[in-house]
Amino acid sequence: MKNTMKSVALTTGLLARVALWVAGAGLVAMTALIAAQVFWRYILNDSIVWTEPASVMIMGWFIFLGAAVGIREGYHLSFDVMLYLVPDRVKLVLYSISDLAVAGFGVGMVWFGWKLAAKTAANMLPSLGISGAFDFAPLVAGGVLVVLFSLERVARRAAGLPTARFGEDAVEH
């Protein structure tokens, strides 16, 4: 099981790296679009109508992709005061419970994001000319990654591999 989980960790690590690069590129693209909008509006006294909705959509992508990667790496928000008081075996159980709760949240992101996308699929975003469902695609994609990365953390812990959370050592690549 350890070898299988190491292979899974390498694959999800690559997926996380790609997601992080996409998120970073999205941040740069959004910044460029906003800068162009400011230049056009205040210097050229004109406006590019599609930059604001495109920037908001791109922002959704880098937020949800970055959050999913943060969950994989153990950087998500947690309340860990009790962890200082309990034995290591209890900590591992509490980590797994936390990861399963996060996975449940990811399932909710996928479920409700999909429902929102389905309800807005027939609407067109006027300035972009695309379906309103695209507004919710980052929520669904981020939710899928949250579930995948959370379950990976539980499986890695069950296999006796570190998860790089709260002082646990990272898996060696």
C-alpha atoms as a PDB file:
ATOM      1  CA  MET A   1       0.000   0.000   0.000  1.00  0.00           C
ATOM      2  CA  LYS A   2       2.888   2.352   0.732  1.00  0.00           C
ATOM      3  CA  ASN A   3       4.242   2.092  -2.810  1.00  0.00           C
ATOM      4  CA  THR A   4       0.797   2.679  -4.276  1.00  0.00           C
ATOM      5  CA  MET A   5       0.297   5.723  -2.069  1.00  0.00           C
ATOM      6  CA  LYS A   6       3.714   7.063  -3.032  1.00  0.00           C
ATOM      7  CA  SER A   7       2.687   6.808  -6.692  1.00  0.00           C
ATOM      8  CA  VAL A   8      -0.629   8.501  -5.918  1.00  0.00           C
ATOM      9  CA  ALA A   9       1.219  11.224  -3.987  1.00  0.00           C
ATOM     10  CA  LEU A  10       3.515  11.857  -6.938  1.00  0.00           C
ATOM     11  CA  THR A  11       0.535  12.096  -9.299  1.00  0.00           C
ATOM     12  CA  THR A  12      -1.491  14.372  -7.057  1.00  0.00           C
ATOM     13  CA  GLY A  13       1.650  16.388  -6.373  1.00  0.00           C
ATOM     14  CA  LEU A  14       1.986  16.985 -10.102  1.00  0.00           C
ATOM     15  CA  LEU A  15      -1.715  17.879 -10.289  1.00  0.00           C
ATOM     16  CA  ALA A  16      -1.275  20.301  -7.390  1.00  0.00           C
ATOM     17  CA  ARG A  17       1.741  21.891  -9.071  1.00  0.00           C
ATOM     18  CA  VAL A  18      -0.209  22.347 -12.307  1.00  0.00           C
ATOM     19  CA  ALA A  19      -3.151  23.820 -10.368  1.00  0.00           C
ATOM     20  CA  LEU A  20      -0.808  26.212  -8.588  1.00  0.00           C
ATOM     21  CA  TRP A  21       0.770  27.332 -11.877  1.00  0.00           C
ATOM     22  CA  VAL A  22      -2.677  27.848 -13.408  1.00  0.00           C
ATOM     23  CA  ALA A  23      -3.700  29.836 -10.331  1.00  0.00           C
ATOM     24  CA  GLY A  24      -0.549  31.957 -10.559  1.00  0.00           C
ATOM     25  CA  ALA A  25      -1.079  32.571 -14.273  1.00  0.00           C
ATOM     26  CA  GLY A  26      -4.668  33.538 -13.489  1.00  0.00           C
ATOM     27  CA  LEU A  27      -3.498  36.056 -10.911  1.00  0.00           C
ATOM     28  CA  VAL A  28      -1.119  37.601 -13.443  1.00  0.00           C
ATOM     29  CA  ALA A  29      -3.809  37.614 -16.156  1.00  0.00           C
ATOM     30  CA  MET A  30      -6.358  39.221 -13.847  1.00  0.00           C
ATOM     31  CA  THR A  31      -3.850  41.894 -12.841  1.00  0.00           C
ATOM     32  CA  ALA A  32      -3.078  42.608 -16.495  1.00  0.00           C
ATOM     33  CA  LEU A  33      -6.782  42.856 -17.380  1.00  0.00           C
ATOM     34  CA  ILE A  34      -7.490  45.250 -14.512  1.00  0.00           C
ATOM     35  CA  ALA A  35      -4.456  47.365 -15.452  1.00  0.00           C
ATOM     36  CA  ALA A  36      -5.662  47.479 -19.062  1.00  0.00           C
ATOM     37  CA  GLN A  37      -9.144  48.487 -17.900  1.00  0.00           C
ATOM     38  CA  VAL A  38      -7.740  51.315 -15.765  1.00  0.00           C
ATOM     39  CA  PHE A  39      -5.536  52.512 -18.642  1.00  0.00           C
ATOM     40  CA  TRP A  40      -8.400  52.440 -21.159  1.00  0.00           C
ATOM     41  CA  ARG A  41     -10.839  54.130 -18.794  1.00  0.00           C
ATOM     42  CA  TYR A  42      -8.676  56.883 -17.338  1.00  0.00           C
ATOM     43  CA  ILE A  43      -6.057  57.482 -20.021  1.00  0.00           C
ATOM     44  CA  LEU A  44      -7.960  56.754 -23.251  1.00  0.00           C
ATOM     45  CA  ASN A  45     -11.362  57.774 -21.828  1.00  0.00           C
ATOM     46  CA  ASP A  46     -12.916  54.556 -23.130  1.00  0.00           C
ATOM     47  CA  SER A  47     -13.779  51.214 -21.582  1.00  0.00           C
ATOM     48  CA  ILE A  48     -13.224  47.542 -22.326  1.00  0.00           C
ATOM     49  CA  VAL A  49     -16.533  46.007 -21.273  1.00  0.00           C
ATOM     50  CA  TRP A  50     -15.387  42.411 -20.874  1.00  0.00           C
ATOM     51  CA  THR A  51     -12.355  42.888 -18.595  1.00  0.00           C
ATOM     52  CA  GLU A  52     -14.236  43.154 -15.303  1.00  0.00           C
ATOM     53  CA  PRO A  53     -16.396  40.019 -15.640  1.00  0.00           C
ATOM     54  CA  ALA A  54     -13.433  38.112 -17.090  1.00  0.00           C
ATOM     55  CA  SER A  55     -11.274  39.215 -14.146  1.00  0.00           C
ATOM     56  CA  VAL A  56     -13.893  38.092 -11.640  1.00  0.00           C
ATOM     57  CA  MET A  57     -14.143  34.704 -13.364  1.00  0.00           C
ATOM     58  CA  ILE A  58     -10.353  34.327 -13.392  1.00  0.00           C
ATOM     59  CA  MET A  59     -10.276  35.301  -9.730  1.00  0.00           C
ATOM     60  CA  GLY A  60     -12.639  32.407  -8.956  1.00  0.00           C
ATOM     61  CA  TRP A  61     -10.219  30.030 -10.641  1.00  0.00           C
ATOM     62  CA  PHE A  62      -7.121  31.130  -8.776  1.00  0.00           C
ATOM     63  CA  ILE A  63      -8.919  31.273  -5.443  1.00  0.00           C
ATOM     64  CA  PHE A  64     -10.409  27.784  -5.643  1.00  0.00           C
ATOM     65  CA  LEU A  65      -7.365  26.134  -7.234  1.00  0.00           C
ATOM     66  CA  GLY A  66      -5.043  27.782  -4.730  1.00  0.00           C
ATOM     67  CA  ALA A  67      -7.291  26.785  -1.828  1.00  0.00           C
ATOM     68  CA  ALA A  68      -7.314  23.157  -2.976  1.00  0.00           C
ATOM     69  CA  VAL A  69      -3.515  23.112  -3.158  1.00  0.00           C
ATOM     70  CA  GLY A  70      -3.382  24.699   0.290  1.00  0.00           C
ATOM     71  CA  ILE A  71      -5.521  21.866   1.607  1.00  0.00           C
ATOM     72  CA  ARG A  72      -3.223  19.273   0.062  1.00  0.00           C
ATOM     73  CA  GLU A  73      -0.198  20.924   1.642  1.00  0.00           C
ATOM     74  CA  GLY A  74      -1.888  21.315   5.039  1.00  0.00           C
ATOM     75  CA  TYR A  75      -2.163  25.107   5.012  1.00  0.00           C
ATOM     76  CA  HIS A  76      -5.903  25.371   5.423  1.00  0.00           C
ATOM     77  CA  LEU A  77      -7.432  27.060   8.437  1.00  0.00           C
ATOM     78  CA  SER A  78      -7.571  24.902  11.539  1.00  0.00           C
ATOM     79  CA  PHE A  79      -8.021  25.154  15.264  1.00  0.00           C
ATOM     80  CA  ASP A  80      -5.180  23.148  16.748  1.00  0.00           C
ATOM     81  CA  VAL A  81      -4.947  24.122  20.430  1.00  0.00           C
ATOM     82  CA  MET A  82      -6.149  20.697  21.593  1.00  0.00           C
ATOM     83  CA  LEU A  83      -3.494  18.997  19.447  1.00  0.00           C
ATOM     84  CA  TYR A  84      -0.823  20.215  21.845  1.00  0.00           C
ATOM     85  CA  LEU A  85      -2.436  18.233  24.675  1.00  0.00           C
ATOM     86  CA  VAL A  86      -3.189  14.851  23.126  1.00  0.00           C
ATOM     87  CA  PRO A  87      -0.896  11.905  22.288  1.00  0.00           C
ATOM     88  CA  ASP A  88       0.408  11.437  18.747  1.00  0.00           C
ATOM     89  CA  ARG A  89      -2.000   8.593  17.909  1.00  0.00           C
ATOM     90  CA  VAL A  90      -4.966  10.774  18.842  1.00  0.00           C
ATOM     91  CA  LYS A  91      -3.527  13.593  16.737  1.00  0.00           C
ATOM     92  CA  LEU A  92      -3.482  11.319  13.694  1.00  0.00           C
ATOM     93  CA  VAL A  93      -7.146  10.414  14.255  1.00  0.00           C
ATOM     94  CA  LEU A  94      -8.070  14.077  14.667  1.00  0.00           C
ATOM     95  CA  TYR A  95      -6.134  14.984  11.505  1.00  0.00           C
ATOM     96  CA  SER A  96      -8.060  12.339   9.598  1.00  0.00           C
ATOM     97  CA  ILE A  97     -11.398  13.537  10.979  1.00  0.00           C
ATOM     98  CA  SER A  98     -10.458  17.053   9.919  1.00  0.00           C
ATOM     99  CA  ASP A  99      -9.490  15.888   6.433  1.00  0.00           C
ATOM    100  CA  LEU A 100     -12.755  13.940   6.084  1.00  0.00           C
ATOM    101  CA  ALA A 101     -14.724  17.039   7.141  1.00  0.00           C
ATOM    102  CA  VAL A 102     -12.842  19.074   4.522  1.00  0.00           C
ATOM    103  CA  ALA A 103     -13.587  16.373   1.929  1.00  0.00           C
ATOM    104  CA  GLY A 104     -17.278  16.656   2.874  1.00  0.00           C
ATOM    105  CA  PHE A 105     -17.069  20.394   2.310  1.00  0.00           C
ATOM    106  CA  GLY A 106     -15.499  19.680  -1.094  1.00  0.00           C
ATOM    107  CA  VAL A 107     -18.399  17.372  -1.952  1.00  0.00           C
ATOM    108  CA  GLY A 108     -20.739  20.250  -1.096  1.00  0.00           C
ATOM    109  CA  MET A 109     -18.746  22.545  -3.366  1.00  0.00           C
ATOM    110  CA  VAL A 110     -19.102  20.099  -6.238  1.00  0.00           C
ATOM    111  CA  TRP A 111     -22.784  19.365  -5.613  1.00  0.00           C
ATOM    112  CA  PHE A 112     -24.016  22.901  -5.110  1.00  0.00           C
ATOM    113  CA  GLY A 113     -21.612  24.389  -7.649  1.00  0.00           C
ATOM    114  CA  TRP A 114     -22.935  21.937 -10.242  1.00  0.00           C
ATOM    115  CA  LYS A 115     -26.535  22.822  -9.347  1.00  0.00           C
ATOM    116  CA  LEU A 116     -25.777  26.535  -9.665  1.00  0.00           C
ATOM    117  CA  ALA A 117     -24.040  25.959 -12.997  1.00  0.00           C
ATOM    118  CA  ALA A 118     -27.009  23.960 -14.262  1.00  0.00           C
ATOM    119  CA  LYS A 119     -29.444  26.713 -13.248  1.00  0.00           C
ATOM    120  CA  THR A 120     -27.421  29.412 -15.000  1.00  0.00           C
ATOM    121  CA  ALA A 121     -26.361  27.408 -18.068  1.00  0.00           C
ATOM    122  CA  ALA A 122     -29.049  28.978 -20.263  1.00  0.00           C
ATOM    123  CA  ASN A 123     -28.087  32.515 -19.249  1.00  0.00           C
ATOM    124  CA  MET A 124     -25.512  34.279 -21.371  1.00  0.00           C
ATOM    125  CA  LEU A 125     -22.962  36.613 -19.837  1.00  0.00           C
ATOM    126  CA  PRO A 126     -23.507  39.607 -22.119  1.00  0.00           C
ATOM    127  CA  SER A 127     -20.027  41.092 -22.099  1.00  0.00           C
ATOM    128  CA  LEU A 128     -18.285  37.730 -22.553  1.00  0.00           C
ATOM    129  CA  GLY A 129     -20.825  35.922 -24.711  1.00  0.00           C
ATOM    130  CA  ILE A 130     -20.535  32.664 -22.777  1.00  0.00           C
ATOM    131  CA  SER A 131     -22.875  30.646 -20.594  1.00  0.00           C
ATOM    132  CA  GLY A 132     -23.437  31.710 -17.003  1.00  0.00           C
ATOM    133  CA  ALA A 133     -22.427  28.196 -15.970  1.00  0.00           C
ATOM    134  CA  PHE A 134     -18.797  29.209 -16.500  1.00  0.00           C
ATOM    135  CA  ASP A 135     -19.072  31.393 -13.390  1.00  0.00           C
ATOM    136  CA  PHE A 136     -19.423  28.246 -11.289  1.00  0.00           C
ATOM    137  CA  ALA A 137     -16.876  26.024 -13.055  1.00  0.00           C
ATOM    138  CA  PRO A 138     -14.080  27.046 -10.648  1.00  0.00           C
ATOM    139  CA  LEU A 139     -16.264  26.067  -7.689  1.00  0.00           C
ATOM    140  CA  VAL A 140     -16.845  22.590  -9.130  1.00  0.00           C
ATOM    141  CA  ALA A 141     -13.219  22.079 -10.210  1.00  0.00           C
ATOM    142  CA  GLY A 142     -11.911  23.347  -6.880  1.00  0.00           C
ATOM    143  CA  GLY A 143     -14.341  21.068  -5.050  1.00  0.00           C
ATOM    144  CA  VAL A 144     -13.150  18.039  -7.004  1.00  0.00           C
ATOM    145  CA  LEU A 145      -9.552  18.857  -6.075  1.00  0.00           C
ATOM    146  CA  VAL A 146     -10.478  19.474  -2.428  1.00  0.00           C
ATOM    147  CA  VAL A 147     -12.102  16.023  -2.236  1.00  0.00           C
ATOM    148  CA  LEU A 148      -9.205  14.353  -4.040  1.00  0.00           C
ATOM    149  CA  PHE A 149      -6.501  16.010  -1.962  1.00  0.00           C
ATOM    150  CA  SER A 150      -8.331  15.480   1.353  1.00  0.00           C
ATOM    151  CA  LEU A 151      -8.901  11.792   0.683  1.00  0.00           C
ATOM    152  CA  GLU A 152      -5.292  11.450  -0.418  1.00  0.00           C
ATOM    153  CA  ARG A 153      -4.183  12.841   2.938  1.00  0.00           C
ATOM    154  CA  VAL A 154      -6.334  10.325   4.813  1.00  0.00           C
ATOM    155  CA  ALA A 155      -5.062   7.445   2.654  1.00  0.00           C
ATOM    156  CA  ARG A 156      -1.438   8.523   3.047  1.00  0.00           C
ATOM    157  CA  ARG A 157      -1.855   8.684   6.800  1.00  0.00           C
ATOM    158  CA  ALA A 158      -3.526   5.250   6.837  1.00  0.00           C
ATOM    159  CA  ALA A 159      -0.571   3.861   4.865  1.00  0.00           C
ATOM    160  CA  GLY A 160       1.831   5.283   7.431  1.00  0.00           C
ATOM    161  CA  LEU A 161       3.148   7.999   5.146  1.00  0.00           C
ATOM    162  CA  PRO A 162       3.608  11.614   6.280  1.00  0.00           C
ATOM    163  CA  THR A 163       1.244  14.331   5.069  1.00  0.00           C
ATOM    164  CA  ALA A 164       3.304  17.491   5.703  1.00  0.00           C
ATOM    165  CA  ARG A 165       0.772  18.813   8.182  1.00  0.00           C
ATOM    166  CA  PHE A 166       1.464  20.232  11.637  1.00  0.00           C
ATOM    167  CA  GLY A 167       5.050  19.084  11.789  1.00  0.00           C
ATOM    168  CA  GLU A 168       4.676  15.824   9.893  1.00  0.00           C
ATOM    169  CA  ASP A 169       7.445  15.395   7.345  1.00  0.00           C
ATOM    170  CA  ALA A 170       6.657  15.713   3.639  1.00  0.00           C
ATOM    171  CA  VAL A 171       6.719  12.673   1.387  1.00  0.00           C
ATOM    172  CA  GLU A 172      10.092  12.418  -0.294  1.00  0.00           C
ATOM    173  CA  HIS A 173       9.890  12.582  -4.076  1.00  0.00           C
END
